[in-house]
Amino acid sequence: EDLRDLSDVNKANVKFSLRNPSQPDDDVCYIVRGKPETLSSCNFKNLFGHSWVDGKATDANVIVVDWLDTAQNYYALAAQNTKMVGQEIGLFIDWLEESANVPLEKLHLLGYSLGAHIAGFAGSHATNKVGRITGLDPAGPNFEGVHAHRRLSPDDAHFVDVLHTFTRGSLGLSIGIGIGIEQPVGHVDIYPNGGSFKPGCNLRGALEKIASYGILALNNAIRCEHERSVHLFIITLLNEGEASRAYSCGSNDMFNCGMCLQCHKNRCNTVGYDASKVRKARSIKMFTKTRGSMRFRVENQLPKLNQLAMDPALTVSLYGTNGEAEALKLNVQEKITANKTYSFLVVTEKDIGDLLMLKFKLKESTSSLLSLLSSIVLCLKDPEMGSSAQDVVFVKCKEPWRSLSKRKQMCRDNHK
């Protein structure tokens, strides 16, 4: 059914609540399509800027779409109704553009699960293209593998970015409500932890609940994984300038081996609100790591070692402004040989602050040469820059580090 053939009756019973910073969680004022007086009565502002979140950014128009009457149906029916809801939002966008002179290039639609596809339908049915759509773990069942016009796609906005946190690959198949889509559906598709189970979510407990209570326990069991996409995006608003970085890579396995930690030629991007609007003919799949609480990412390269091939047990210790994480095992996929550079991905649950020093330890009893290289300590070349800078250089420490307390004190003194 064509959008223009729809009557003025809101068939999907969609409501548009304009939120404000003083009452961010309450529906205190509704804007009604076709009634311009509701714009002024709700104090709709003829400006668009950054979204406000608990006073963290400037004031703006934040409209929450209420489609609960339709969403509370069985999943299959709710999924079927997403197009109708999206069409109604598309009409609302057209009306806003005409009645309030809203610049659509500054309009940002966010949708979670089924809402991500609704945002796509809204964008595709609006007369003019909206600026951005962010899909937060778009729903998979009924949408995986279908044609682009039946789901969220890059054609729905000038820029479409997607966070995939609980894809069907997590359990080997798409099993029902709450599982996110696995295929890329945006310009930039980011897969934290490969789009699989997240640190901080209880995988064993989820499977035990499903085994004990059957399909009825499925929704609650997977909620942590599915909703993690929302929390990851919110964190980027609350901690502006401290968002994680995602990297373009052929697969999550390659990323875990540290083979894709490069940013040249748009091969990395910021996760969340401040993502760079990179648009290419094909979707860009990117990967990142998350922690159970705050996210922390460290990447490093092992310096070239001029010696015979070896197969060591390799660990790294990280020392930062807030603490240290010691003896983290590095995943060595092959023998370390001479005159090569090796990359490793390191993740720690500790928030150690800005990284100031790294200590590599090689354990190999059969090589006498390794006894000379059993401990390699690297320090931040310019402590004044801090490791939060985009390009950070570590060099071999000039002074001996005799004790942990002395190391920490010297690092903190340098960082002041």
Protein backbone atom coordinates (compact mmCIF):
# COMPACT_ATOMS: atom_id res chain seq x y z
CA GLU A 1 0.00 0.00 0.00
CA ASP A 2 1.42 3.36 -0.99
CA LEU A 3 2.03 5.83 1.80
CA ARG A 4 0.10 8.60 0.07
CA ASP A 5 -3.04 6.44 -0.05
CA LEU A 6 -3.24 6.23 3.72
CA SER A 7 -6.09 8.20 5.27
CA ASP A 8 -5.57 10.84 7.96
CA VAL A 9 -6.65 8.29 10.54
CA ASN A 10 -3.64 7.00 12.51
CA LYS A 11 -4.20 3.31 11.81
CA ALA A 12 -1.22 2.23 13.89
CA ASN A 13 -2.32 4.30 16.91
CA VAL A 14 1.12 5.88 17.14
CA LYS A 15 1.69 8.71 19.61
CA PHE A 16 4.51 11.24 19.54
CA SER A 17 5.64 12.43 22.96
CA LEU A 18 7.93 15.47 23.15
CA ARG A 19 10.26 14.97 26.11
CA ASN A 20 12.07 17.70 28.03
CA PRO A 21 15.09 17.69 30.36
CA SER A 22 13.03 18.44 33.47
CA GLN A 23 10.86 15.33 32.98
CA PRO A 24 12.85 13.06 30.64
CA ASP A 25 10.95 9.86 31.51
CA ASP A 26 7.39 11.20 31.41
CA ASP A 27 4.92 11.61 28.57
CA VAL A 28 3.66 15.07 29.47
CA CYS A 29 2.92 16.47 26.03
CA TYR A 30 1.93 14.86 22.73
CA ILE A 31 2.38 16.34 19.27
CA VAL A 32 -0.46 15.43 16.92
CA ARG A 33 0.07 15.33 13.17
CA GLY A 34 -2.18 17.86 11.44
CA LYS A 35 -2.57 19.99 14.57
CA PRO A 36 0.15 22.67 14.51
CA GLU A 37 -1.12 24.15 17.76
CA THR A 38 0.31 21.10 19.56
CA LEU A 39 3.80 22.16 18.46
CA SER A 40 3.56 25.44 20.36
CA SER A 41 1.69 23.97 23.32
CA CYS A 42 4.43 21.34 23.71
CA ASN A 43 7.15 24.01 23.33
CA PHE A 44 8.63 22.43 20.22
CA LYS A 45 11.73 24.41 19.29
CA ASN A 46 12.58 25.35 15.71
CA LEU A 47 16.15 24.19 16.14
CA PHE A 48 18.02 20.93 16.07
CA GLY A 49 21.26 20.24 17.93
CA HIS A 50 22.77 17.52 20.03
CA SER A 51 20.32 15.46 22.06
CA TRP A 52 20.15 16.27 25.74
CA VAL A 53 20.84 13.46 28.20
CA ASP A 54 20.58 14.42 31.87
CA GLY A 55 22.09 17.84 31.22
CA LYS A 56 25.12 16.46 29.36
CA ALA A 57 24.43 18.37 26.16
CA THR A 58 22.44 21.28 24.77
CA ASP A 59 18.66 21.41 24.61
CA ALA A 60 16.93 19.90 21.59
CA ASN A 61 13.70 18.33 20.43
CA VAL A 62 13.56 14.71 21.58
CA ILE A 63 10.44 12.88 20.42
CA VAL A 64 9.61 9.41 21.73
CA VAL A 65 7.38 7.26 19.52
CA ASP A 66 4.77 5.29 21.45
CA TRP A 67 3.51 2.28 19.49
CA LEU A 68 2.83 0.02 22.48
CA ASP A 69 -0.72 -0.81 21.41
CA THR A 70 0.73 -2.46 18.31
CA ALA A 71 3.96 -3.75 19.85
CA GLN A 72 2.21 -5.76 22.57
CA ASN A 73 0.92 -8.31 20.08
CA TYR A 74 2.67 -11.64 19.44
CA TYR A 75 6.08 -11.14 17.92
CA ALA A 76 5.10 -12.26 14.41
CA LEU A 77 2.19 -9.82 14.34
CA ALA A 78 4.24 -7.01 15.88
CA ALA A 79 6.93 -7.60 13.24
CA GLN A 80 4.30 -7.50 10.51
CA ASN A 81 2.99 -4.17 11.84
CA THR A 82 6.38 -2.44 11.78
CA LYS A 83 5.83 -1.20 8.22
CA MET A 84 2.50 0.39 9.13
CA VAL A 85 4.06 2.10 12.16
CA GLY A 86 6.98 3.29 10.04
CA GLN A 87 4.62 4.71 7.43
CA GLU A 88 2.82 6.71 10.11
CA ILE A 89 6.15 8.09 11.34
CA GLY A 90 7.04 8.94 7.74
CA LEU A 91 3.85 11.00 7.46
CA PHE A 92 4.71 12.69 10.76
CA ILE A 93 8.20 13.56 9.47
CA ASP A 94 6.74 15.08 6.30
CA TRP A 95 4.32 17.14 8.39
CA LEU A 96 7.10 18.30 10.73
CA GLU A 97 9.23 19.36 7.79
CA GLU A 98 6.36 21.37 6.31
CA SER A 99 4.86 22.79 9.52
CA ALA A 100 7.98 23.45 11.60
CA ASN A 101 10.65 23.81 8.89
CA VAL A 102 12.59 20.93 10.39
CA PRO A 103 15.85 20.36 8.46
CA LEU A 104 15.73 16.63 7.79
CA GLU A 105 19.51 16.39 7.37
CA LYS A 106 19.69 17.03 11.13
CA LEU A 107 16.99 14.52 12.00
CA HIS A 108 18.36 11.44 13.77
CA LEU A 109 16.11 8.39 14.17
CA LEU A 110 17.05 5.76 16.75
CA GLY A 111 15.37 2.38 16.96
CA TYR A 112 15.92 -0.70 19.10
CA SER A 113 15.06 -4.25 17.99
CA LEU A 114 11.84 -4.01 15.96
CA GLY A 115 12.10 -0.25 16.36
CA ALA A 116 15.24 -0.24 14.21
CA HIS A 117 13.27 -1.58 11.24
CA ILE A 118 10.46 0.87 12.01
CA ALA A 119 13.01 3.68 11.78
CA GLY A 120 14.05 2.27 8.41
CA PHE A 121 10.48 2.18 7.14
CA ALA A 122 9.95 5.74 8.43
CA GLY A 123 13.03 6.95 6.59
CA SER A 124 12.12 5.19 3.35
CA HIS A 125 8.54 6.50 3.37
CA ALA A 126 9.39 10.12 4.20
CA THR A 127 9.32 12.30 1.08
CA ASN A 128 12.84 13.61 1.68
CA LYS A 129 15.72 11.60 3.12
CA VAL A 130 16.50 11.98 6.83
CA GLY A 131 20.04 12.62 8.03
CA ARG A 132 20.76 9.55 10.11
CA ILE A 133 19.29 6.32 11.43
CA THR A 134 20.92 4.33 14.22
CA GLY A 135 19.78 0.72 14.56
CA LEU A 136 20.34 -0.79 18.01
CA ASP A 137 20.49 -4.57 17.55
CA PRO A 138 17.76 -4.69 14.88
CA ALA A 139 15.46 -7.69 15.26
CA GLY A 140 16.46 -10.78 13.29
CA PRO A 141 13.44 -13.12 13.03
CA ASN A 142 11.26 -12.23 10.00
CA PHE A 143 13.95 -9.79 8.79
CA GLU A 144 17.12 -11.85 8.34
CA GLY A 145 17.87 -12.39 4.65
CA VAL A 146 14.86 -10.52 3.25
CA HIS A 147 15.00 -7.84 0.55
CA ALA A 148 16.31 -4.43 1.61
CA HIS A 149 12.91 -2.73 1.24
CA ARG A 150 11.46 -5.10 3.88
CA ARG A 151 13.96 -4.16 6.62
CA LEU A 152 16.38 -1.45 7.71
CA SER A 153 18.85 -0.71 4.91
CA PRO A 154 21.47 1.90 3.92
CA ASP A 155 18.98 3.48 1.52
CA ASP A 156 16.74 4.66 4.38
CA ALA A 157 18.88 7.66 5.42
CA HIS A 158 21.96 9.60 4.38
CA PHE A 159 23.86 7.62 7.04
CA VAL A 160 22.81 4.37 8.72
CA ASP A 161 24.91 2.93 11.54
CA VAL A 162 24.09 -0.27 13.40
CA LEU A 163 25.18 -1.96 16.64
CA HIS A 164 24.80 -5.77 16.60
CA THR A 165 25.00 -7.19 20.13
CA PHE A 166 23.07 -10.48 20.03
CA THR A 167 23.00 -12.03 16.56
CA ARG A 168 21.74 -15.47 15.64
CA GLY A 169 25.36 -16.62 15.54
CA SER A 170 25.40 -16.31 19.33
CA LEU A 171 23.41 -19.52 19.69
CA GLY A 172 23.97 -20.97 16.26
CA LEU A 173 20.47 -20.09 15.03
CA SER A 174 17.78 -17.45 15.25
CA ILE A 175 15.48 -18.72 17.97
CA GLY A 176 12.80 -16.12 18.55
CA ILE A 177 11.97 -12.85 20.22
CA GLY A 178 14.87 -10.58 20.97
CA ILE A 179 17.56 -12.07 18.73
CA GLY A 180 19.29 -9.43 16.63
CA ILE A 181 19.90 -9.56 12.90
CA GLU A 182 23.30 -10.91 11.87
CA GLN A 183 23.68 -9.57 8.34
CA PRO A 184 24.96 -6.01 7.82
CA VAL A 185 22.08 -3.59 7.20
CA GLY A 186 23.74 -0.16 7.38
CA HIS A 187 26.62 1.86 6.00
CA VAL A 188 28.60 0.95 9.13
CA ASP A 189 27.76 -2.23 11.08
CA ILE A 190 29.58 -2.68 14.39
CA TYR A 191 29.72 -6.07 16.14
CA PRO A 192 30.88 -5.69 19.78
CA ASN A 193 32.51 -8.97 20.80
CA GLY A 194 31.58 -10.33 17.40
CA GLY A 195 27.87 -9.70 18.01
CA SER A 196 27.88 -12.51 20.54
CA PHE A 197 27.56 -12.85 24.31
CA LYS A 198 28.73 -9.84 26.30
CA PRO A 199 30.88 -9.70 29.43
CA GLY A 200 28.55 -8.96 32.31
CA CYS A 201 25.68 -11.03 30.87
CA ASN A 202 25.26 -14.48 32.38
CA LEU A 203 25.38 -16.97 29.48
CA ARG A 204 25.20 -20.02 31.70
CA GLY A 205 22.27 -18.62 33.64
CA ALA A 206 20.45 -17.75 30.41
CA LEU A 207 20.80 -21.28 29.04
CA GLU A 208 19.80 -22.83 32.38
CA LYS A 209 16.61 -20.75 32.46
CA ILE A 210 15.73 -21.77 28.92
CA ALA A 211 16.40 -25.43 29.79
CA SER A 212 14.28 -25.23 32.95
CA TYR A 213 11.37 -23.07 31.84
CA GLY A 214 11.40 -23.46 28.07
CA ILE A 215 10.52 -20.76 25.59
CA LEU A 216 8.72 -18.70 28.26
CA ALA A 217 12.08 -17.89 29.84
CA LEU A 218 13.68 -16.90 26.56
CA ASN A 219 12.79 -13.22 26.56
CA ASN A 220 14.17 -12.50 30.04
CA ALA A 221 17.20 -14.72 29.46
CA ILE A 222 18.42 -12.84 26.41
CA ARG A 223 17.36 -9.34 27.43
CA CYS A 224 20.80 -8.44 28.79
CA GLU A 225 22.47 -9.26 25.47
CA HIS A 226 19.88 -7.59 23.29
CA GLU A 227 19.59 -4.42 25.38
CA ARG A 228 23.35 -4.03 25.60
CA SER A 229 23.18 -2.16 22.29
CA VAL A 230 21.08 0.54 23.97
CA HIS A 231 23.46 0.86 26.92
CA LEU A 232 26.51 1.05 24.66
CA PHE A 233 24.96 3.92 22.73
CA ILE A 234 23.88 5.78 25.88
CA ILE A 235 27.42 5.51 27.28
CA THR A 236 28.71 7.43 24.26
CA LEU A 237 26.35 10.29 25.14
CA LEU A 238 27.22 10.32 28.83
CA ASN A 239 30.97 10.06 28.21
CA GLU A 240 31.46 12.34 25.24
CA GLY A 241 34.92 12.01 23.75
CA GLU A 242 35.62 8.68 25.48
CA ALA A 243 33.84 6.29 23.16
CA SER A 244 35.40 3.03 22.05
CA ARG A 245 36.82 2.53 18.61
CA ALA A 246 35.72 -0.19 16.19
CA TYR A 247 37.89 -1.61 13.41
CA SER A 248 37.08 -2.85 9.93
CA CYS A 249 37.99 -6.52 9.71
CA GLY A 250 37.23 -9.59 7.64
CA SER A 251 36.01 -11.57 10.65
CA ASN A 252 35.81 -11.48 14.41
CA ASP A 253 38.48 -14.21 14.61
CA MET A 254 40.90 -12.03 12.67
CA PHE A 255 40.09 -9.11 14.94
CA ASN A 256 40.71 -11.19 18.07
CA CYS A 257 44.14 -12.05 16.69
CA GLY A 258 44.97 -8.36 16.53
CA MET A 259 45.20 -8.31 12.74
CA CYS A 260 42.95 -5.29 12.11
CA LEU A 261 44.01 -2.58 14.56
CA GLN A 262 44.65 0.11 11.94
CA CYS A 263 42.85 3.39 11.27
CA HIS A 264 44.21 4.42 7.88
CA LYS A 265 41.75 4.78 4.97
CA ASN A 266 38.71 4.92 7.29
CA ARG A 267 39.43 1.46 8.68
CA CYS A 268 38.29 2.49 12.16
CA ASN A 269 35.35 4.46 13.50
CA THR A 270 33.97 5.74 16.79
CA VAL A 271 31.26 3.64 18.40
CA GLY A 272 27.97 5.42 19.09
CA TYR A 273 26.74 8.96 18.74
CA ASP A 274 29.95 10.48 17.40
CA ALA A 275 30.48 7.90 14.65
CA SER A 276 32.00 9.32 11.48
CA LYS A 277 29.48 9.29 8.65
CA VAL A 278 31.36 7.06 6.23
CA ARG A 279 29.27 5.97 3.25
CA LYS A 280 30.52 3.36 0.82
CA ALA A 281 28.83 1.19 -1.78
CA ARG A 282 29.07 -1.85 0.50
CA SER A 283 28.40 -2.10 4.22
CA ILE A 284 31.51 -1.84 6.40
CA LYS A 285 31.68 -4.55 9.07
CA MET A 286 33.56 -3.44 12.16
CA PHE A 287 34.46 -5.12 15.43
CA THR A 288 35.27 -3.96 18.93
CA LYS A 289 35.57 -5.33 22.45
CA THR A 290 33.47 -4.44 25.47
CA ARG A 291 33.82 -5.02 29.19
CA GLY A 292 31.22 -6.01 31.73
CA SER A 293 30.83 -2.42 32.88
CA MET A 294 32.84 0.42 31.35
CA ARG A 295 34.57 -0.44 28.11
CA PHE A 296 38.32 -0.34 27.83
CA ARG A 297 40.39 -1.02 24.76
CA VAL A 298 44.14 -1.50 24.41
CA GLU A 299 46.02 -2.35 21.25
CA ASN A 300 49.75 -2.79 20.91
CA GLN A 301 52.41 -4.24 18.68
CA LEU A 302 55.25 -6.49 19.73
CA PRO A 303 58.58 -4.96 18.60
CA LYS A 304 60.62 -6.86 16.03
CA LEU A 305 62.63 -9.64 17.63
CA ASN A 306 65.82 -10.62 15.82
CA GLN A 307 66.21 -14.22 16.85
CA LEU A 308 65.36 -17.75 15.84
CA ALA A 309 61.79 -18.97 15.69
CA MET A 310 60.22 -19.62 19.09
CA ASP A 311 56.92 -20.57 20.61
CA PRO A 312 56.76 -18.66 23.90
CA ALA A 313 54.12 -18.05 26.51
CA LEU A 314 53.67 -14.31 26.16
CA THR A 315 52.07 -11.99 28.72
CA VAL A 316 51.72 -8.24 29.01
CA SER A 317 51.23 -6.02 32.05
CA LEU A 318 49.58 -2.62 31.66
CA TYR A 319 50.24 0.33 33.96
CA GLY A 320 48.04 3.42 33.87
CA THR A 321 47.09 6.53 35.79
CA ASN A 322 44.37 4.73 37.77
CA GLY A 323 45.93 1.32 38.34
CA GLU A 324 47.47 -1.69 36.68
CA ALA A 325 46.50 -5.00 35.10
CA GLU A 326 49.31 -7.53 35.23
CA ALA A 327 50.22 -10.76 33.47
CA LEU A 328 47.50 -10.69 30.81
CA LYS A 329 48.01 -13.64 28.49
CA LEU A 330 48.39 -12.83 24.80
CA ASN A 331 46.98 -15.16 22.19
CA VAL A 332 49.93 -16.26 20.02
CA GLN A 333 48.57 -17.88 16.86
CA GLU A 334 51.94 -18.81 15.35
CA LYS A 335 55.60 -19.09 16.17
CA ILE A 336 57.32 -15.76 16.62
CA THR A 337 60.05 -15.41 14.02
CA ALA A 338 62.72 -12.84 13.33
CA ASN A 339 62.13 -9.46 11.68
CA LYS A 340 58.35 -9.49 11.84
CA THR A 341 55.81 -7.33 13.63
CA TYR A 342 53.05 -9.02 15.62
CA SER A 343 49.80 -7.46 16.80
CA PHE A 344 47.76 -8.50 19.81
CA LEU A 345 44.38 -7.43 21.14
CA VAL A 346 44.32 -6.93 24.92
CA VAL A 347 41.15 -6.47 26.97
CA THR A 348 40.94 -5.98 30.72
CA GLU A 349 37.99 -5.56 33.06
CA LYS A 350 39.99 -3.02 35.07
CA ASP A 351 39.77 0.67 34.28
CA ILE A 352 43.46 1.59 34.50
CA GLY A 353 43.02 5.09 33.08
CA ASP A 354 45.47 6.47 30.53
CA LEU A 355 48.06 3.87 29.59
CA LEU A 356 51.59 4.87 30.62
CA MET A 357 53.68 1.71 30.50
CA LEU A 358 53.64 -1.82 29.09
CA LYS A 359 55.71 -4.77 30.21
CA PHE A 360 56.01 -7.83 27.97
CA LYS A 361 57.18 -11.09 29.46
CA LEU A 362 58.36 -14.05 27.39
CA LYS A 363 58.62 -17.49 28.98
CA GLU A 364 60.67 -19.99 27.01
CA SER A 365 63.17 -22.20 28.78
CA THR A 366 64.77 -23.74 25.67
CA SER A 367 66.22 -20.52 24.27
CA SER A 368 69.22 -19.01 26.02
CA LEU A 369 68.77 -15.80 24.04
CA LEU A 370 65.33 -15.33 25.49
CA SER A 371 66.82 -15.05 28.96
CA LEU A 372 68.13 -11.68 27.83
CA LEU A 373 64.72 -10.68 26.46
CA SER A 374 62.53 -12.24 29.11
CA SER A 375 61.22 -8.83 30.13
CA ILE A 376 60.65 -5.92 27.74
CA VAL A 377 59.39 -2.70 29.34
CA LEU A 378 57.98 0.12 27.20
CA CYS A 379 57.07 3.60 28.44
CA LEU A 380 55.03 6.41 26.96
CA LYS A 381 57.43 8.51 24.89
CA ASP A 382 55.61 11.75 25.68
CA PRO A 383 53.76 11.47 29.05
CA GLU A 384 52.26 14.92 28.53
CA MET A 385 50.13 13.63 25.64
CA GLY A 386 48.48 10.81 27.55
CA SER A 387 47.46 7.55 25.92
CA SER A 388 44.03 8.92 25.03
CA ALA A 389 45.60 10.68 22.06
CA GLN A 390 44.98 9.03 18.69
CA ASP A 391 48.65 8.35 17.90
CA VAL A 392 50.66 7.15 20.88
CA VAL A 393 54.29 6.03 20.80
CA PHE A 394 55.87 3.72 23.38
CA VAL A 395 59.64 3.32 23.62
CA LYS A 396 61.95 1.19 25.70
CA CYS A 397 62.16 2.66 29.19
CA LYS A 398 65.41 4.47 29.86
CA GLU A 399 65.38 4.01 33.62
CA PRO A 400 65.11 0.76 35.57
CA TRP A 401 61.75 0.04 37.19
CA ARG A 402 62.79 -1.50 40.47
CA SER A 403 59.44 -1.87 42.16
CA LEU A 404 55.75 -1.56 41.45
CA SER A 405 55.35 1.32 43.91
CA LYS A 406 58.18 3.26 42.26
CA ARG A 407 56.76 2.59 38.79
CA LYS A 408 53.34 3.86 39.81
CA GLN A 409 54.75 6.96 41.49
CA MET A 410 56.96 7.85 38.52
CA CYS A 411 54.06 7.34 36.10
CA ARG A 412 51.77 9.56 38.17
CA ASP A 413 54.45 12.23 38.50
CA ASN A 414 54.98 12.22 34.74
CA HIS A 415 51.25 12.43 34.12
CA LYS A 416 50.64 15.47 36.33
